[in-house]
Every structure is written in structure tokens, then in C-alpha cells.
Amino acid sequence: MCARTYIEINSRDYPIDIFSTYDPEKASRLAEITIPVFALIGDHNEATIMEPAQALEIIKKKATKAPQFITAVIEGANHGYYGKGKEMTEKVVSWLSN
């Protein structure tokens, strides 16, 4: 990531911000997803601007064409899931197995 991207990544309307959680009504590229989705987040995610569960709900509402949208919050996990890799992997494998 270049310095400019690092500085601007949290700016509203930055192209890399596909989630647009700061504006629940704003259109998103998430509306183009047409396959099942499993979205997970840590409850200590330093990259979110709101409670993780609330961010997941906004993202879920924007993925209007996804036939399935399952969410999970991993307690005690940060953005990189440090120390929670096993739990994260188990949740992903469980979702893939269903």
C-alpha cells in the first residue's frame, strides 16, 4: 500500500471503500455479489467506525443479490484476527461444509 492510499483509505468516497458502512443508504459494489457470502469480523476490530455487528448488518443489506449472507462476530478478535486464527478457521470451514 502506498503512502497516499494509507492516508486516504479512511476518507469517505475513497474508491477502495466498497463497504461504505458510514452511509447505510449509499450504493455499494456489494450489490453486484451474486454468490453466497460469509462475512465475519472481530469484536475488537480497530478498522470499523461502529460496532462490528452493526457494520455487518449494513454490509448485509447492501449485498442485495447474494442468495445467502451469513455473519459471525469473533469475540476478542481484532482486524487481523491475531490469536484467534483457530476460531476464525473453524467458523469458515463450518460455513463451507454446510
Protein backbone atom coordinates (compact mmCIF):
# COMPACT_ATOMS: atom_id res chain seq x y z
CA MET A 1 0.00 0.00 0.00
CA CYS A 2 1.41 3.37 -0.94
CA ALA A 3 1.53 6.30 1.49
CA ARG A 4 -1.28 8.15 -0.31
CA THR A 5 -3.61 5.14 -0.07
CA TYR A 6 -2.76 4.74 3.61
CA ILE A 7 -3.61 8.37 4.30
CA GLU A 8 -6.78 8.45 2.20
CA ILE A 9 -8.15 4.98 2.89
CA ASN A 10 -10.46 6.20 5.64
CA SER A 11 -11.78 9.12 3.60
CA ARG A 12 -15.39 9.00 2.58
CA ASP A 13 -15.94 8.12 -1.07
CA TYR A 14 -12.44 6.68 -1.45
CA PRO A 15 -12.71 4.06 -4.25
CA ILE A 16 -11.29 1.26 -2.11
CA ASP A 17 -14.16 1.67 0.39
CA ILE A 18 -16.52 -0.91 -1.07
CA PHE A 19 -18.41 -1.34 2.20
CA SER A 20 -19.43 2.29 2.79
CA THR A 21 -20.62 1.45 6.29
CA TYR A 22 -20.53 5.13 7.23
CA ASP A 23 -23.53 5.67 4.94
CA PRO A 24 -26.08 2.82 5.02
CA GLU A 25 -28.00 4.37 2.09
CA LYS A 26 -25.01 4.77 -0.22
CA ALA A 27 -24.82 2.37 -3.17
CA SER A 28 -22.05 -0.18 -2.98
CA ARG A 29 -20.25 -2.69 -5.18
CA LEU A 30 -21.57 -5.26 -2.70
CA ALA A 31 -24.84 -5.16 -4.65
CA GLU A 32 -23.04 -6.93 -7.51
CA ILE A 33 -22.34 -10.09 -5.49
CA THR A 34 -24.44 -13.00 -6.75
CA ILE A 35 -22.96 -15.88 -4.73
CA PRO A 36 -23.38 -16.90 -1.07
CA VAL A 37 -21.41 -14.76 1.39
CA PHE A 38 -19.93 -15.48 4.79
CA ALA A 39 -18.80 -12.28 6.49
CA LEU A 40 -17.01 -12.30 9.80
CA ILE A 41 -15.44 -9.63 11.93
CA GLY A 42 -13.72 -9.38 15.28
CA ASP A 43 -15.47 -7.54 18.08
CA HIS A 44 -12.28 -5.54 18.71
CA ASN A 45 -11.82 -4.54 15.07
CA GLU A 46 -9.90 -1.29 15.03
CA ALA A 47 -10.80 -0.70 11.37
CA THR A 48 -14.53 -0.23 11.97
CA ILE A 49 -16.23 3.07 12.69
CA MET A 50 -19.09 1.43 14.61
CA GLU A 51 -19.96 -1.70 16.49
CA PRO A 52 -18.90 -4.72 14.39
CA ALA A 53 -22.37 -6.31 14.42
CA GLN A 54 -23.86 -3.06 13.13
CA ALA A 55 -21.27 -2.88 10.34
CA LEU A 56 -22.11 -6.45 9.31
CA GLU A 57 -25.81 -5.62 9.12
CA ILE A 58 -25.14 -2.63 6.88
CA ILE A 59 -22.91 -4.75 4.63
CA LYS A 60 -25.56 -7.50 4.53
CA LYS A 61 -28.25 -5.02 3.48
CA LYS A 62 -26.04 -3.76 0.64
CA ALA A 63 -25.42 -7.27 -0.75
CA THR A 64 -28.91 -7.34 -2.22
CA LYS A 65 -28.25 -10.05 -4.84
CA ALA A 66 -26.42 -12.51 -2.59
CA PRO A 67 -28.65 -15.59 -2.23
CA GLN A 68 -27.27 -16.21 1.26
CA PHE A 69 -25.46 -13.87 3.65
CA ILE A 70 -24.24 -15.38 6.91
CA THR A 71 -22.40 -13.29 9.52
CA ALA A 72 -20.28 -14.05 12.54
CA VAL A 73 -18.53 -11.98 15.18
CA ILE A 74 -15.42 -13.43 16.80
CA GLU A 75 -15.09 -12.33 20.40
CA GLY A 76 -11.75 -10.82 21.31
CA ALA A 77 -10.52 -10.66 17.71
CA ASN A 78 -9.04 -7.56 16.12
CA HIS A 79 -8.88 -6.73 12.41
CA GLY A 80 -6.12 -9.28 11.77
CA TYR A 81 -7.68 -11.97 14.00
CA TYR A 82 -4.38 -12.22 15.92
CA GLY A 83 -4.59 -15.05 18.40
CA LYS A 84 -7.98 -16.07 17.01
CA GLY A 85 -6.87 -17.88 13.86
CA LYS A 86 -8.11 -21.26 15.00
CA GLU A 87 -11.58 -19.93 15.85
CA MET A 88 -11.76 -17.99 12.59
CA THR A 89 -10.70 -21.05 10.59
CA GLU A 90 -13.26 -23.25 12.34
CA LYS A 91 -16.06 -20.81 11.51
CA VAL A 92 -15.04 -20.60 7.85
CA VAL A 93 -14.68 -24.39 7.50
CA SER A 94 -18.04 -24.89 9.19
CA TRP A 95 -19.71 -22.46 6.76
CA LEU A 96 -18.04 -24.10 3.75
CA SER A 97 -19.18 -27.53 4.94
CA ASN A 98 -22.85 -26.53 5.08
